[in-house]
Amino acid sequence: EDQTEVLALDGFGAEDFDALWRYFEQTCGVYLKKHRPVAALSEADFDGAMKNIEDGADRVDETASGTVQKKAREADLMQKVEAVRDGLDQAVSGDKQALSRVFAANGCERIGRLRLVVDTVQLEVFHTDPRWKHLLSKCATVEAVL
């Protein structure tokens, strides 16, 4: 009566869940729960992504103002920013202990490195890009959690 069993169903997409849920509930009285994988936050993954952002920001700052090359390097940086922003978004909505483990280590060095880049890089074209604004917001959220 109060038993729980786990059954994995392969070959179905996320869009099939509602139909499967209704079918099992109506025909068997079985209730399905959607498995929500927890995003694993890894120090090494963040450090690698952060190194990419730092290198990209250095390339932006080393390029002459107003040039096509500066715009191209800013666009390249925005792609790296997007990946880190998405990772931070998953981290903030996931395991708070993992978030603290990664970002509170070494006197909050990781979030400090990110904050240094976002506060000092000299963007001309992409300074109002939504990806940049979202990264700033996620950075502030991580700081608030810590």
C-alpha atoms as a PDB file:
ATOM      1  CA  GLU A   1       0.000   0.000   0.000  1.00  0.00           C
ATOM      2  CA  ASP A   2       2.689   2.553   0.918  1.00  0.00           C
ATOM      3  CA  GLN A   3       5.293   1.012  -1.335  1.00  0.00           C
ATOM      4  CA  THR A   4       7.365   2.908  -3.812  1.00  0.00           C
ATOM      5  CA  GLU A   5       8.999   1.290  -6.792  1.00  0.00           C
ATOM      6  CA  VAL A   6      11.147   2.897  -9.403  1.00  0.00           C
ATOM      7  CA  LEU A   7      10.704   2.024 -13.040  1.00  0.00           C
ATOM      8  CA  ALA A   8      12.722   3.573 -15.854  1.00  0.00           C
ATOM      9  CA  LEU A   9      10.999   4.086 -19.207  1.00  0.00           C
ATOM     10  CA  ASP A  10      13.342   4.515 -22.168  1.00  0.00           C
ATOM     11  CA  GLY A  11      12.581   5.772 -25.639  1.00  0.00           C
ATOM     12  CA  PHE A  12      10.196   8.551 -24.609  1.00  0.00           C
ATOM     13  CA  GLY A  13      10.748  12.255 -24.970  1.00  0.00           C
ATOM     14  CA  ALA A  14       9.914  14.955 -22.452  1.00  0.00           C
ATOM     15  CA  GLU A  15       6.858  15.841 -24.535  1.00  0.00           C
ATOM     16  CA  ASP A  16       5.452  12.309 -23.900  1.00  0.00           C
ATOM     17  CA  PHE A  17       5.355  12.658 -20.111  1.00  0.00           C
ATOM     18  CA  ASP A  18       1.818  14.076 -19.777  1.00  0.00           C
ATOM     19  CA  ALA A  19       0.282  11.364 -21.972  1.00  0.00           C
ATOM     20  CA  LEU A  20       2.141   8.621 -20.087  1.00  0.00           C
ATOM     21  CA  TRP A  21       1.226  10.131 -16.744  1.00  0.00           C
ATOM     22  CA  ARG A  22      -2.510  10.195 -17.666  1.00  0.00           C
ATOM     23  CA  TYR A  23      -2.422   6.681 -19.113  1.00  0.00           C
ATOM     24  CA  PHE A  24      -0.797   5.083 -16.049  1.00  0.00           C
ATOM     25  CA  GLU A  25      -2.983   7.031 -13.625  1.00  0.00           C
ATOM     26  CA  GLN A  26      -6.255   6.150 -15.395  1.00  0.00           C
ATOM     27  CA  THR A  27      -5.548   2.522 -16.285  1.00  0.00           C
ATOM     28  CA  CYS A  28      -3.440   1.325 -13.362  1.00  0.00           C
ATOM     29  CA  GLY A  29      -3.775   3.858 -10.586  1.00  0.00           C
ATOM     30  CA  VAL A  30      -0.023   4.356 -10.827  1.00  0.00           C
ATOM     31  CA  TYR A  31       1.414   7.814 -10.411  1.00  0.00           C
ATOM     32  CA  LEU A  32       4.481   8.826 -12.375  1.00  0.00           C
ATOM     33  CA  LYS A  33       7.018  11.343 -11.154  1.00  0.00           C
ATOM     34  CA  LYS A  34       9.314  13.114 -13.541  1.00  0.00           C
ATOM     35  CA  HIS A  35      12.967  12.513 -12.816  1.00  0.00           C
ATOM     36  CA  ARG A  36      14.769  15.805 -12.551  1.00  0.00           C
ATOM     37  CA  PRO A  37      18.505  15.322 -12.809  1.00  0.00           C
ATOM     38  CA  VAL A  38      20.511  17.554 -10.516  1.00  0.00           C
ATOM     39  CA  ALA A  39      23.115  19.579 -12.322  1.00  0.00           C
ATOM     40  CA  ALA A  40      26.506  18.663 -10.995  1.00  0.00           C
ATOM     41  CA  LEU A  41      28.575  21.711 -10.256  1.00  0.00           C
ATOM     42  CA  SER A  42      32.237  20.964 -10.627  1.00  0.00           C
ATOM     43  CA  GLU A  43      35.130  23.136  -9.545  1.00  0.00           C
ATOM     44  CA  ALA A  44      37.185  21.997 -12.544  1.00  0.00           C
ATOM     45  CA  ASP A  45      34.397  22.759 -15.029  1.00  0.00           C
ATOM     46  CA  PHE A  46      33.876  26.245 -13.636  1.00  0.00           C
ATOM     47  CA  ASP A  47      37.631  26.911 -13.522  1.00  0.00           C
ATOM     48  CA  GLY A  48      37.949  25.913 -17.185  1.00  0.00           C
ATOM     49  CA  ALA A  49      35.024  28.101 -18.220  1.00  0.00           C
ATOM     50  CA  MET A  50      36.354  30.967 -16.112  1.00  0.00           C
ATOM     51  CA  LYS A  51      39.777  30.686 -17.762  1.00  0.00           C
ATOM     52  CA  ASN A  52      38.038  30.959 -21.163  1.00  0.00           C
ATOM     53  CA  ILE A  53      36.212  34.104 -20.047  1.00  0.00           C
ATOM     54  CA  GLU A  54      39.364  35.654 -18.590  1.00  0.00           C
ATOM     55  CA  ASP A  55      41.307  34.934 -21.791  1.00  0.00           C
ATOM     56  CA  GLY A  56      38.457  36.280 -23.930  1.00  0.00           C
ATOM     57  CA  ALA A  57      38.213  39.435 -21.810  1.00  0.00           C
ATOM     58  CA  ASP A  58      41.978  39.963 -22.111  1.00  0.00           C
ATOM     59  CA  ARG A  59      41.716  39.664 -25.908  1.00  0.00           C
ATOM     60  CA  VAL A  60      38.884  42.224 -25.935  1.00  0.00           C
ATOM     61  CA  ASP A  61      40.848  44.673 -23.781  1.00  0.00           C
ATOM     62  CA  GLU A  62      44.035  44.263 -25.864  1.00  0.00           C
ATOM     63  CA  THR A  63      42.243  45.180 -29.107  1.00  0.00           C
ATOM     64  CA  ALA A  64      42.103  48.729 -30.422  1.00  0.00           C
ATOM     65  CA  SER A  65      38.883  50.586 -29.719  1.00  0.00           C
ATOM     66  CA  GLY A  66      36.337  50.939 -32.529  1.00  0.00           C
ATOM     67  CA  THR A  67      37.767  48.182 -34.732  1.00  0.00           C
ATOM     68  CA  VAL A  68      35.986  45.292 -36.403  1.00  0.00           C
ATOM     69  CA  GLN A  69      38.379  42.983 -34.573  1.00  0.00           C
ATOM     70  CA  LYS A  70      37.224  44.365 -31.206  1.00  0.00           C
ATOM     71  CA  LYS A  71      33.593  43.722 -32.155  1.00  0.00           C
ATOM     72  CA  ALA A  72      34.470  40.151 -33.229  1.00  0.00           C
ATOM     73  CA  ARG A  73      36.337  39.501 -29.978  1.00  0.00           C
ATOM     74  CA  GLU A  74      33.428  40.860 -27.958  1.00  0.00           C
ATOM     75  CA  ALA A  75      31.078  38.513 -29.848  1.00  0.00           C
ATOM     76  CA  ASP A  76      33.396  35.602 -29.050  1.00  0.00           C
ATOM     77  CA  LEU A  77      33.428  36.626 -25.384  1.00  0.00           C
ATOM     78  CA  MET A  78      29.609  36.735 -25.352  1.00  0.00           C
ATOM     79  CA  GLN A  79      29.472  33.081 -26.433  1.00  0.00           C
ATOM     80  CA  LYS A  80      31.691  32.167 -23.478  1.00  0.00           C
ATOM     81  CA  VAL A  81      29.626  34.395 -21.197  1.00  0.00           C
ATOM     82  CA  GLU A  82      26.452  32.621 -22.314  1.00  0.00           C
ATOM     83  CA  ALA A  83      27.838  29.207 -21.310  1.00  0.00           C
ATOM     84  CA  VAL A  84      28.925  30.428 -17.861  1.00  0.00           C
ATOM     85  CA  ARG A  85      25.645  32.278 -17.326  1.00  0.00           C
ATOM     86  CA  ASP A  86      23.669  29.104 -18.114  1.00  0.00           C
ATOM     87  CA  GLY A  87      25.884  27.066 -15.790  1.00  0.00           C
ATOM     88  CA  LEU A  88      25.421  29.576 -12.977  1.00  0.00           C
ATOM     89  CA  ASP A  89      21.683  29.560 -13.568  1.00  0.00           C
ATOM     90  CA  GLN A  90      21.593  25.772 -13.118  1.00  0.00           C
ATOM     91  CA  ALA A  91      23.886  25.984 -10.096  1.00  0.00           C
ATOM     92  CA  VAL A  92      21.776  28.629  -8.360  1.00  0.00           C
ATOM     93  CA  SER A  93      18.576  26.629  -8.891  1.00  0.00           C
ATOM     94  CA  GLY A  94      20.225  23.377  -7.770  1.00  0.00           C
ATOM     95  CA  ASP A  95      22.163  22.124  -4.778  1.00  0.00           C
ATOM     96  CA  LYS A  96      23.051  25.061  -2.505  1.00  0.00           C
ATOM     97  CA  GLN A  97      25.733  23.023  -0.722  1.00  0.00           C
ATOM     98  CA  ALA A  98      27.499  22.354  -4.028  1.00  0.00           C
ATOM     99  CA  LEU A  99      27.187  26.040  -4.873  1.00  0.00           C
ATOM    100  CA  SER A 100      28.755  26.975  -1.552  1.00  0.00           C
ATOM    101  CA  ARG A 101      31.477  24.309  -1.902  1.00  0.00           C
ATOM    102  CA  VAL A 102      32.537  25.649  -5.291  1.00  0.00           C
ATOM    103  CA  PHE A 103      32.200  29.380  -4.732  1.00  0.00           C
ATOM    104  CA  ALA A 104      33.011  29.800  -1.023  1.00  0.00           C
ATOM    105  CA  ALA A 105      36.368  27.990  -1.366  1.00  0.00           C
ATOM    106  CA  ASN A 106      39.549  30.048  -1.007  1.00  0.00           C
ATOM    107  CA  GLY A 107      37.767  33.119   0.296  1.00  0.00           C
ATOM    108  CA  CYS A 108      35.214  33.176  -2.540  1.00  0.00           C
ATOM    109  CA  GLU A 109      38.009  33.335  -5.140  1.00  0.00           C
ATOM    110  CA  ARG A 110      35.942  31.943  -8.034  1.00  0.00           C
ATOM    111  CA  ILE A 111      33.083  34.410  -7.806  1.00  0.00           C
ATOM    112  CA  GLY A 112      35.632  37.158  -7.135  1.00  0.00           C
ATOM    113  CA  ARG A 113      37.454  36.314 -10.375  1.00  0.00           C
ATOM    114  CA  LEU A 114      34.184  36.463 -12.282  1.00  0.00           C
ATOM    115  CA  ARG A 115      33.229  39.745 -10.630  1.00  0.00           C
ATOM    116  CA  LEU A 116      36.655  41.205 -11.528  1.00  0.00           C
ATOM    117  CA  VAL A 117      36.151  40.346 -15.206  1.00  0.00           C
ATOM    118  CA  VAL A 118      32.599  41.689 -15.423  1.00  0.00           C
ATOM    119  CA  ASP A 119      33.594  44.887 -13.628  1.00  0.00           C
ATOM    120  CA  THR A 120      36.729  45.635 -15.652  1.00  0.00           C
ATOM    121  CA  VAL A 121      36.375  44.378 -19.236  1.00  0.00           C
ATOM    122  CA  GLN A 122      35.954  47.242 -21.710  1.00  0.00           C
ATOM    123  CA  LEU A 123      32.963  46.325 -23.889  1.00  0.00           C
ATOM    124  CA  GLU A 124      31.890  48.738 -26.602  1.00  0.00           C
ATOM    125  CA  VAL A 125      29.288  46.917 -28.693  1.00  0.00           C
ATOM    126  CA  PHE A 126      27.949  44.227 -26.342  1.00  0.00           C
ATOM    127  CA  HIS A 127      27.811  46.136 -23.023  1.00  0.00           C
ATOM    128  CA  THR A 128      23.980  46.125 -23.192  1.00  0.00           C
ATOM    129  CA  ASP A 129      23.695  42.540 -24.472  1.00  0.00           C
ATOM    130  CA  PRO A 130      21.097  40.549 -22.479  1.00  0.00           C
ATOM    131  CA  ARG A 131      23.607  37.719 -21.935  1.00  0.00           C
ATOM    132  CA  TRP A 132      25.946  40.184 -20.241  1.00  0.00           C
ATOM    133  CA  LYS A 133      23.152  41.611 -18.093  1.00  0.00           C
ATOM    134  CA  HIS A 134      22.035  38.090 -17.112  1.00  0.00           C
ATOM    135  CA  LEU A 135      25.600  37.132 -16.160  1.00  0.00           C
ATOM    136  CA  LEU A 136      25.799  40.199 -13.918  1.00  0.00           C
ATOM    137  CA  SER A 137      22.515  39.171 -12.311  1.00  0.00           C
ATOM    138  CA  LYS A 138      23.642  35.562 -11.763  1.00  0.00           C
ATOM    139  CA  CYS A 139      26.911  36.789 -10.286  1.00  0.00           C
ATOM    140  CA  ALA A 140      24.973  38.933  -7.792  1.00  0.00           C
ATOM    141  CA  THR A 141      22.700  35.974  -6.975  1.00  0.00           C
ATOM    142  CA  VAL A 142      25.667  33.695  -6.215  1.00  0.00           C
ATOM    143  CA  GLU A 143      27.169  36.427  -4.032  1.00  0.00           C
ATOM    144  CA  ALA A 144      23.876  36.747  -2.143  1.00  0.00           C
ATOM    145  CA  VAL A 145      23.694  32.975  -1.549  1.00  0.00           C
ATOM    146  CA  LEU A 146      27.221  32.939  -0.156  1.00  0.00           C
END
